[in-house]
Every structure is written in structure tokens, then in C-alpha cells.
Amino acid sequence: MPPAGGAVLGALVAGAGLALVLTLLAGPVAGGLVLGADLAVAAVLRLVLPVRVAGALAVRSRAVDTAVLLVLAAACAALSWSLPEG
């Protein structure tokens, strides 16, 4: 039986893979925004899911994990918007 958090981590890795593919096909702005959204989803999941289900997302306390993920999501989005198109 796979660990309880395996599905959550798998979905987030799939989102990061989608961001990579989108970066290759549509450019770094789109890929960076999708990666930022994926990190924001990870933050929300870490905030609402119990540790048993959160799996590898639960590294530190719930507040620290959520704050770090939100800062990374905001940084990815901001840096993506600052890139020139083309």
C-alpha cells in the first residue's frame, strides 16, 4: 500500500511537470505562473490536510511550511511577470 501522502505529492510533481512543458511550449512567463500556482496549491494543501495525508509536504510546522510555500509561489509569479515576452 502506498503512503497516504503519495497522491498529494504525485499531483504536485505533475503540476511542476506541466509547468516545465508549458515553459518549453509557451515560454517562461506561462510556465513560471503555472509553477507559482502549483506552489500556492501546495501551500493550501499543507494548511488544510493532516500530516498523515500531507506526506512529504509536512517537513516543519504547518505555519512555517505554508509560509515558505506561499513566499515561493509569490516569488515565482512576480519573477514570471517581470520577464519580457518573446
PDB file of N, CA and C in Angstrom:
ATOM      1  N   MET A   1       0.845  -1.184   0.000  1.00  0.00           N
ATOM      2  CA  MET A   1       0.000   0.000   0.000  1.00  0.00           C
ATOM      3  C   MET A   1       0.888   1.245   0.000  1.00  0.00           C
ATOM      4  N   PRO A   2       0.677   2.180  -0.937  1.00  0.00           N
ATOM      5  CA  PRO A   2       1.497   3.393  -0.978  1.00  0.00           C
ATOM      6  C   PRO A   2       1.198   4.288   0.223  1.00  0.00           C
ATOM      7  N   PRO A   3       2.157   5.132   0.598  1.00  0.00           N
ATOM      8  CA  PRO A   3       1.917   6.033   1.722  1.00  0.00           C
ATOM      9  C   PRO A   3       0.766   6.987   1.419  1.00  0.00           C
ATOM     10  N   ALA A   4       0.129   7.467   2.492  1.00  0.00           N
ATOM     11  CA  ALA A   4      -1.067   8.305   2.331  1.00  0.00           C
ATOM     12  C   ALA A   4      -0.776   9.595   1.567  1.00  0.00           C
ATOM     13  N   GLY A   5       0.407  10.165   1.741  1.00  0.00           N
ATOM     14  CA  GLY A   5       0.727  11.417   1.082  1.00  0.00           C
ATOM     15  C   GLY A   5       1.234  11.269  -0.338  1.00  0.00           C
ATOM     16  N   GLY A   6       1.309  10.043  -0.834  1.00  0.00           N
ATOM     17  CA  GLY A   6       1.853   9.819  -2.170  1.00  0.00           C
ATOM     18  C   GLY A   6       1.029  10.456  -3.266  1.00  0.00           C
ATOM     19  N   ALA A   7      -0.281  10.431  -3.136  1.00  0.00           N
ATOM     20  CA  ALA A   7      -1.139  11.019  -4.165  1.00  0.00           C
ATOM     21  C   ALA A   7      -0.990  12.539  -4.196  1.00  0.00           C
ATOM     22  N   VAL A   8      -0.888  13.139  -3.021  1.00  0.00           N
ATOM     23  CA  VAL A   8      -0.731  14.601  -2.952  1.00  0.00           C
ATOM     24  C   VAL A   8       0.589  15.010  -3.595  1.00  0.00           C
ATOM     25  N   LEU A   9       1.654  14.351  -3.207  1.00  0.00           N
ATOM     26  CA  LEU A   9       2.966  14.681  -3.774  1.00  0.00           C
ATOM     27  C   LEU A   9       2.996  14.398  -5.273  1.00  0.00           C
ATOM     28  N   GLY A  10       2.384  13.306  -5.696  1.00  0.00           N
ATOM     29  CA  GLY A  10       2.339  12.987  -7.120  1.00  0.00           C
ATOM     30  C   GLY A  10       1.614  14.046  -7.931  1.00  0.00           C
ATOM     31  N   ALA A  11       0.510  14.560  -7.395  1.00  0.00           N
ATOM     32  CA  ALA A  11      -0.229  15.612  -8.093  1.00  0.00           C
ATOM     33  C   ALA A  11       0.595  16.891  -8.191  1.00  0.00           C
ATOM     34  N   LEU A  12       1.334  17.219  -7.145  1.00  0.00           N
ATOM     35  CA  LEU A  12       2.152  18.433  -7.177  1.00  0.00           C
ATOM     36  C   LEU A  12       3.349  18.278  -8.116  1.00  0.00           C
ATOM     37  N   VAL A  13       3.915  17.097  -8.173  1.00  0.00           N
ATOM     38  CA  VAL A  13       5.008  16.850  -9.123  1.00  0.00           C
ATOM     39  C   VAL A  13       4.474  16.912 -10.552  1.00  0.00           C
ATOM     40  N   ALA A  14       3.266  16.406 -10.762  1.00  0.00           N
ATOM     41  CA  ALA A  14       2.653  16.502 -12.090  1.00  0.00           C
ATOM     42  C   ALA A  14       2.432  17.962 -12.475  1.00  0.00           C
ATOM     43  N   GLY A  15       2.042  18.793 -11.513  1.00  0.00           N
ATOM     44  CA  GLY A  15       1.875  20.228 -11.779  1.00  0.00           C
ATOM     45  C   GLY A  15       3.194  20.884 -12.150  1.00  0.00           C
ATOM     46  N   ALA A  16       4.261  20.495 -11.470  1.00  0.00           N
ATOM     47  CA  ALA A  16       5.586  21.039 -11.813  1.00  0.00           C
ATOM     48  C   ALA A  16       6.015  20.564 -13.199  1.00  0.00           C
ATOM     49  N   GLY A  17       5.691  19.328 -13.532  1.00  0.00           N
ATOM     50  CA  GLY A  17       5.987  18.829 -14.882  1.00  0.00           C
ATOM     51  C   GLY A  17       5.205  19.579 -15.945  1.00  0.00           C
ATOM     52  N   LEU A  18       3.949  19.875 -15.642  1.00  0.00           N
ATOM     53  CA  LEU A  18       3.135  20.674 -16.560  1.00  0.00           C
ATOM     54  C   LEU A  18       3.742  22.062 -16.750  1.00  0.00           C
ATOM     55  N   ALA A  19       4.249  22.645 -15.673  1.00  0.00           N
ATOM     56  CA  ALA A  19       4.897  23.953 -15.781  1.00  0.00           C
ATOM     57  C   ALA A  19       6.129  23.877 -16.681  1.00  0.00           C
ATOM     58  N   LEU A  20       6.886  22.798 -16.568  1.00  0.00           N
ATOM     59  CA  LEU A  20       8.069  22.632 -17.412  1.00  0.00           C
ATOM     60  C   LEU A  20       7.685  22.508 -18.882  1.00  0.00           C
ATOM     61  N   VAL A  21       6.678  21.689 -19.169  1.00  0.00           N
ATOM     62  CA  VAL A  21       6.230  21.525 -20.554  1.00  0.00           C
ATOM     63  C   VAL A  21       5.688  22.843 -21.095  1.00  0.00           C
ATOM     64  N   LEU A  22       4.920  23.546 -20.276  1.00  0.00           N
ATOM     65  CA  LEU A  22       4.379  24.833 -20.707  1.00  0.00           C
ATOM     66  C   LEU A  22       5.489  25.853 -20.949  1.00  0.00           C
ATOM     67  N   THR A  23       6.540  25.788 -20.148  1.00  0.00           N
ATOM     68  CA  THR A  23       7.687  26.677 -20.365  1.00  0.00           C
ATOM     69  C   THR A  23       8.313  26.411 -21.727  1.00  0.00           C
ATOM     70  N   LEU A  24       8.430  25.157 -22.080  1.00  0.00           N
ATOM     71  CA  LEU A  24       9.027  24.811 -23.376  1.00  0.00           C
ATOM     72  C   LEU A  24       8.129  25.200 -24.549  1.00  0.00           C
ATOM     73  N   LEU A  25       6.817  25.063 -24.372  1.00  0.00           N
ATOM     74  CA  LEU A  25       5.890  25.310 -25.477  1.00  0.00           C
ATOM     75  C   LEU A  25       5.418  26.758 -25.575  1.00  0.00           C
ATOM     76  N   ALA A  26       5.170  27.403 -24.431  1.00  0.00           N
ATOM     77  CA  ALA A  26       4.561  28.742 -24.457  1.00  0.00           C
ATOM     78  C   ALA A  26       5.467  29.834 -23.926  1.00  0.00           C
ATOM     79  N   GLY A  27       6.593  29.473 -23.333  1.00  0.00           N
ATOM     80  CA  GLY A  27       7.513  30.477 -22.842  1.00  0.00           C
ATOM     81  C   GLY A  27       7.607  30.500 -21.324  1.00  0.00           C
ATOM     82  N   PRO A  28       8.630  31.189 -20.829  1.00  0.00           N
ATOM     83  CA  PRO A  28       8.893  31.164 -19.390  1.00  0.00           C
ATOM     84  C   PRO A  28       7.851  31.888 -18.540  1.00  0.00           C
ATOM     85  N   VAL A  29       7.151  32.856 -19.099  1.00  0.00           N
ATOM     86  CA  VAL A  29       6.136  33.565 -18.312  1.00  0.00           C
ATOM     87  C   VAL A  29       5.002  32.615 -17.945  1.00  0.00           C
ATOM     88  N   ALA A  30       4.484  31.904 -18.919  1.00  0.00           N
ATOM     89  CA  ALA A  30       3.384  30.969 -18.665  1.00  0.00           C
ATOM     90  C   ALA A  30       3.832  29.841 -17.740  1.00  0.00           C
ATOM     91  N   GLY A  31       4.989  29.293 -17.992  1.00  0.00           N
ATOM     92  CA  GLY A  31       5.495  28.212 -17.147  1.00  0.00           C
ATOM     93  C   GLY A  31       5.734  28.648 -15.718  1.00  0.00           C
ATOM     94  N   GLY A  32       6.278  29.836 -15.551  1.00  0.00           N
ATOM     95  CA  GLY A  32       6.520  30.354 -14.202  1.00  0.00           C
ATOM     96  C   GLY A  32       5.238  30.621 -13.444  1.00  0.00           C
ATOM     97  N   LEU A  33       4.223  31.097 -14.149  1.00  0.00           N
ATOM     98  CA  LEU A  33       2.933  31.334 -13.490  1.00  0.00           C
ATOM     99  C   LEU A  33       2.281  30.024 -13.063  1.00  0.00           C
ATOM    100  N   VAL A  34       2.387  28.999 -13.898  1.00  0.00           N
ATOM    101  CA  VAL A  34       1.836  27.696 -13.531  1.00  0.00           C
ATOM    102  C   VAL A  34       2.617  27.110 -12.347  1.00  0.00           C
ATOM    103  N   LEU A  35       3.936  27.272 -12.339  1.00  0.00           N
ATOM    104  CA  LEU A  35       4.728  26.799 -11.212  1.00  0.00           C
ATOM    105  C   LEU A  35       4.349  27.548  -9.932  1.00  0.00           C
ATOM    106  N   GLY A  36       4.135  28.857 -10.037  1.00  0.00           N
ATOM    107  CA  GLY A  36       3.691  29.624  -8.875  1.00  0.00           C
ATOM    108  C   GLY A  36       2.334  29.160  -8.375  1.00  0.00           C
ATOM    109  N   ALA A  37       1.429  28.866  -9.303  1.00  0.00           N
ATOM    110  CA  ALA A  37       0.114  28.352  -8.914  1.00  0.00           C
ATOM    111  C   ALA A  37       0.240  26.988  -8.251  1.00  0.00           C
ATOM    112  N   ASP A  38       1.127  26.143  -8.756  1.00  0.00           N
ATOM    113  CA  ASP A  38       1.351  24.828  -8.166  1.00  0.00           C
ATOM    114  C   ASP A  38       1.875  24.965  -6.735  1.00  0.00           C
ATOM    115  N   LEU A  39       2.781  25.902  -6.502  1.00  0.00           N
ATOM    116  CA  LEU A  39       3.293  26.128  -5.157  1.00  0.00           C
ATOM    117  C   LEU A  39       2.205  26.685  -4.238  1.00  0.00           C
ATOM    118  N   ALA A  40       1.341  27.536  -4.773  1.00  0.00           N
ATOM    119  CA  ALA A  40       0.233  28.054  -3.972  1.00  0.00           C
ATOM    120  C   ALA A  40      -0.742  26.936  -3.586  1.00  0.00           C
ATOM    121  N   VAL A  41      -1.012  26.035  -4.517  1.00  0.00           N
ATOM    122  CA  VAL A  41      -1.859  24.878  -4.208  1.00  0.00           C
ATOM    123  C   VAL A  41      -1.199  24.023  -3.134  1.00  0.00           C
ATOM    124  N   ALA A  42       0.111  23.842  -3.228  1.00  0.00           N
ATOM    125  CA  ALA A  42       0.837  23.076  -2.209  1.00  0.00           C
ATOM    126  C   ALA A  42       0.698  23.736  -0.842  1.00  0.00           C
ATOM    127  N   ALA A  43       0.758  25.066  -0.803  1.00  0.00           N
ATOM    128  CA  ALA A  43       0.609  25.777   0.467  1.00  0.00           C
ATOM    129  C   ALA A  43      -0.777  25.560   1.061  1.00  0.00           C
ATOM    130  N   VAL A  44      -1.797  25.644   0.234  1.00  0.00           N
ATOM    131  CA  VAL A  44      -3.165  25.439   0.729  1.00  0.00           C
ATOM    132  C   VAL A  44      -3.343  23.995   1.201  1.00  0.00           C
ATOM    133  N   LEU A  45      -2.818  23.040   0.441  1.00  0.00           N
ATOM    134  CA  LEU A  45      -2.929  21.646   0.852  1.00  0.00           C
ATOM    135  C   LEU A  45      -2.208  21.402   2.171  1.00  0.00           C
ATOM    136  N   ARG A  46      -1.038  21.986   2.329  1.00  0.00           N
ATOM    137  CA  ARG A  46      -0.298  21.830   3.601  1.00  0.00           C
ATOM    138  C   ARG A  46      -1.073  22.450   4.752  1.00  0.00           C
ATOM    139  N   LEU A  47      -1.785  23.531   4.476  1.00  0.00           N
ATOM    140  CA  LEU A  47      -2.545  24.208   5.527  1.00  0.00           C
ATOM    141  C   LEU A  47      -3.749  23.389   5.976  1.00  0.00           C
ATOM    142  N   VAL A  48      -4.438  22.741   5.051  1.00  0.00           N
ATOM    143  CA  VAL A  48      -5.705  22.096   5.397  1.00  0.00           C
ATOM    144  C   VAL A  48      -5.612  20.588   5.627  1.00  0.00           C
ATOM    145  N   LEU A  49      -4.603  19.920   5.078  1.00  0.00           N
ATOM    146  CA  LEU A  49      -4.527  18.472   5.213  1.00  0.00           C
ATOM    147  C   LEU A  49      -3.813  18.064   6.502  1.00  0.00           C
ATOM    148  N   PRO A  50      -4.248  16.968   7.110  1.00  0.00           N
ATOM    149  CA  PRO A  50      -3.499  16.458   8.267  1.00  0.00           C
ATOM    150  C   PRO A  50      -2.129  15.927   7.837  1.00  0.00           C
ATOM    151  N   VAL A  51      -1.220  15.840   8.780  1.00  0.00           N
ATOM    152  CA  VAL A  51       0.155  15.427   8.481  1.00  0.00           C
ATOM    153  C   VAL A  51       0.186  14.055   7.802  1.00  0.00           C
ATOM    154  N   ARG A  52      -0.656  13.144   8.219  1.00  0.00           N
ATOM    155  CA  ARG A  52      -0.687  11.794   7.654  1.00  0.00           C
ATOM    156  C   ARG A  52      -0.987  11.823   6.158  1.00  0.00           C
ATOM    157  N   VAL A  53      -1.841  12.754   5.738  1.00  0.00           N
ATOM    158  CA  VAL A  53      -2.225  12.843   4.329  1.00  0.00           C
ATOM    159  C   VAL A  53      -1.275  13.756   3.558  1.00  0.00           C
ATOM    160  N   ALA A  54      -0.751  14.790   4.213  1.00  0.00           N
ATOM    161  CA  ALA A  54       0.138  15.744   3.540  1.00  0.00           C
ATOM    162  C   ALA A  54       1.441  15.088   3.101  1.00  0.00           C
ATOM    163  N   GLY A  55       1.860  14.054   3.792  1.00  0.00           N
ATOM    164  CA  GLY A  55       3.052  13.311   3.395  1.00  0.00           C
ATOM    165  C   GLY A  55       4.303  14.165   3.402  1.00  0.00           C
ATOM    166  N   ALA A  56       5.000  14.211   2.271  1.00  0.00           N
ATOM    167  CA  ALA A  56       6.278  14.912   2.180  1.00  0.00           C
ATOM    168  C   ALA A  56       6.136  16.428   2.249  1.00  0.00           C
ATOM    169  N   LEU A  57       4.920  16.952   2.174  1.00  0.00           N
ATOM    170  CA  LEU A  57       4.734  18.398   2.355  1.00  0.00           C
ATOM    171  C   LEU A  57       4.952  18.804   3.802  1.00  0.00           C
ATOM    172  N   ALA A  58       4.756  17.876   4.722  1.00  0.00           N
ATOM    173  CA  ALA A  58       4.891  18.168   6.148  1.00  0.00           C
ATOM    174  C   ALA A  58       6.343  17.963   6.560  1.00  0.00           C
ATOM    175  N   VAL A  59       7.112  19.059   6.542  1.00  0.00           N
ATOM    176  CA  VAL A  59       8.518  18.983   6.899  1.00  0.00           C
ATOM    177  C   VAL A  59       8.756  19.677   8.235  1.00  0.00           C
ATOM    178  N   ARG A  60       8.232  20.872   8.363  1.00  0.00           N
ATOM    179  CA  ARG A  60       8.366  21.652   9.592  1.00  0.00           C
ATOM    180  C   ARG A  60       6.976  21.835  10.165  1.00  0.00           C
ATOM    181  N   SER A  61       6.782  22.885  10.943  1.00  0.00           N
ATOM    182  CA  SER A  61       5.439  23.144  11.463  1.00  0.00           C
ATOM    183  C   SER A  61       4.535  23.577  10.309  1.00  0.00           C
ATOM    184  N   ARG A  62       3.243  23.437  10.521  1.00  0.00           N
ATOM    185  CA  ARG A  62       2.268  23.784   9.486  1.00  0.00           C
ATOM    186  C   ARG A  62       2.423  25.250   9.057  1.00  0.00           C
ATOM    187  N   ALA A  63       2.610  26.139  10.016  1.00  0.00           N
ATOM    188  CA  ALA A  63       2.726  27.568   9.700  1.00  0.00           C
ATOM    189  C   ALA A  63       3.978  27.873   8.879  1.00  0.00           C
ATOM    190  N   VAL A  64       5.094  27.275   9.247  1.00  0.00           N
ATOM    191  CA  VAL A  64       6.350  27.530   8.520  1.00  0.00           C
ATOM    192  C   VAL A  64       6.278  26.957   7.108  1.00  0.00           C
ATOM    193  N   ASP A  65       5.794  25.730   6.980  1.00  0.00           N
ATOM    194  CA  ASP A  65       5.673  25.129   5.646  1.00  0.00           C
ATOM    195  C   ASP A  65       4.773  25.962   4.742  1.00  0.00           C
ATOM    196  N   THR A  66       3.626  26.388   5.272  1.00  0.00           N
ATOM    197  CA  THR A  66       2.687  27.180   4.473  1.00  0.00           C
ATOM    198  C   THR A  66       3.294  28.523   4.087  1.00  0.00           C
ATOM    199  N   ALA A  67       3.949  29.183   5.034  1.00  0.00           N
ATOM    200  CA  ALA A  67       4.555  30.488   4.746  1.00  0.00           C
ATOM    201  C   ALA A  67       5.648  30.373   3.690  1.00  0.00           C
ATOM    202  N   VAL A  68       6.498  29.364   3.801  1.00  0.00           N
ATOM    203  CA  VAL A  68       7.580  29.185   2.826  1.00  0.00           C
ATOM    204  C   VAL A  68       7.014  28.918   1.439  1.00  0.00           C
ATOM    205  N   LEU A  69       6.016  28.060   1.356  1.00  0.00           N
ATOM    206  CA  LEU A  69       5.419  27.758   0.055  1.00  0.00           C
ATOM    207  C   LEU A  69       4.736  28.982  -0.555  1.00  0.00           C
ATOM    208  N   LEU A  70       4.067  29.785   0.270  1.00  0.00           N
ATOM    209  CA  LEU A  70       3.424  30.991  -0.253  1.00  0.00           C
ATOM    210  C   LEU A  70       4.443  32.024  -0.731  1.00  0.00           C
ATOM    211  N   VAL A  71       5.547  32.165  -0.001  1.00  0.00           N
ATOM    212  CA  VAL A  71       6.597  33.098  -0.433  1.00  0.00           C
ATOM    213  C   VAL A  71       7.199  32.630  -1.757  1.00  0.00           C
ATOM    214  N   LEU A  72       7.449  31.329  -1.886  1.00  0.00           N
ATOM    215  CA  LEU A  72       7.983  30.802  -3.146  1.00  0.00           C
ATOM    216  C   LEU A  72       6.987  30.982  -4.295  1.00  0.00           C
ATOM    217  N   ALA A  73       5.697  30.778  -4.022  1.00  0.00           N
ATOM    218  CA  ALA A  73       4.673  30.967  -5.058  1.00  0.00           C
ATOM    219  C   ALA A  73       4.636  32.420  -5.514  1.00  0.00           C
ATOM    220  N   ALA A  74       4.660  33.344  -4.562  1.00  0.00           N
ATOM    221  CA  ALA A  74       4.635  34.770  -4.906  1.00  0.00           C
ATOM    222  C   ALA A  74       5.894  35.174  -5.670  1.00  0.00           C
ATOM    223  N   ALA A  75       7.029  34.625  -5.278  1.00  0.00           N
ATOM    224  CA  ALA A  75       8.278  34.947  -5.967  1.00  0.00           C
ATOM    225  C   ALA A  75       8.261  34.427  -7.407  1.00  0.00           C
ATOM    226  N   CYS A  76       7.781  33.210  -7.609  1.00  0.00           N
ATOM    227  CA  CYS A  76       7.694  32.666  -8.974  1.00  0.00           C
ATOM    228  C   CYS A  76       6.770  33.516  -9.838  1.00  0.00           C
ATOM    229  N   ALA A  77       5.622  33.885  -9.288  1.00  0.00           N
ATOM    230  CA  ALA A  77       4.672  34.692 -10.055  1.00  0.00           C
ATOM    231  C   ALA A  77       5.258  36.068 -10.369  1.00  0.00           C
ATOM    232  N   ALA A  78       5.854  36.708  -9.371  1.00  0.00           N
ATOM    233  CA  ALA A  78       6.407  38.046  -9.583  1.00  0.00           C
ATOM    234  C   ALA A  78       7.558  38.024 -10.590  1.00  0.00           C
ATOM    235  N   LEU A  79       8.431  37.050 -10.463  1.00  0.00           N
ATOM    236  CA  LEU A  79       9.543  36.965 -11.407  1.00  0.00           C
ATOM    237  C   LEU A  79       9.058  36.622 -12.813  1.00  0.00           C
ATOM    238  N   SER A  80       8.018  35.818 -12.909  1.00  0.00           N
ATOM    239  CA  SER A  80       7.478  35.486 -14.230  1.00  0.00           C
ATOM    240  C   SER A  80       6.880  36.712 -14.891  1.00  0.00           C
ATOM    241  N   TRP A  81       6.136  37.507 -14.125  1.00  0.00           N
ATOM    242  CA  TRP A  81       5.529  38.722 -14.686  1.00  0.00           C
ATOM    243  C   TRP A  81       6.583  39.749 -15.071  1.00  0.00           C
ATOM    244  N   SER A  82       7.758  39.692 -14.446  1.00  0.00           N
ATOM    245  CA  SER A  82       8.778  40.681 -14.758  1.00  0.00           C
ATOM    246  C   SER A  82       9.575  40.337 -16.017  1.00  0.00           C
ATOM    247  N   LEU A  83       9.419  39.107 -16.516  1.00  0.00           N
ATOM    248  CA  LEU A  83      10.146  38.708 -17.724  1.00  0.00           C
ATOM    249  C   LEU A  83       9.530  39.332 -18.967  1.00  0.00           C
ATOM    250  N   PRO A  84      10.378  39.704 -19.909  1.00  0.00           N
ATOM    251  CA  PRO A  84       9.823  40.219 -21.172  1.00  0.00           C
ATOM    252  C   PRO A  84       9.215  39.082 -21.984  1.00  0.00           C
ATOM    253  N   GLU A  85       8.142  39.382 -22.683  1.00  0.00           N
ATOM    254  CA  GLU A  85       7.505  38.383 -23.556  1.00  0.00           C
ATOM    255  C   GLU A  85       8.394  38.138 -24.769  1.00  0.00           C
ATOM    256  N   GLY A  86       8.346  36.906 -25.262  1.00  0.00           N
ATOM    257  CA  GLY A  86       9.049  36.618 -26.504  1.00  0.00           C
ATOM    258  C   GLY A  86      10.304  35.907 -26.259  1.00  0.00           C
TER     259      GLY A  86
END
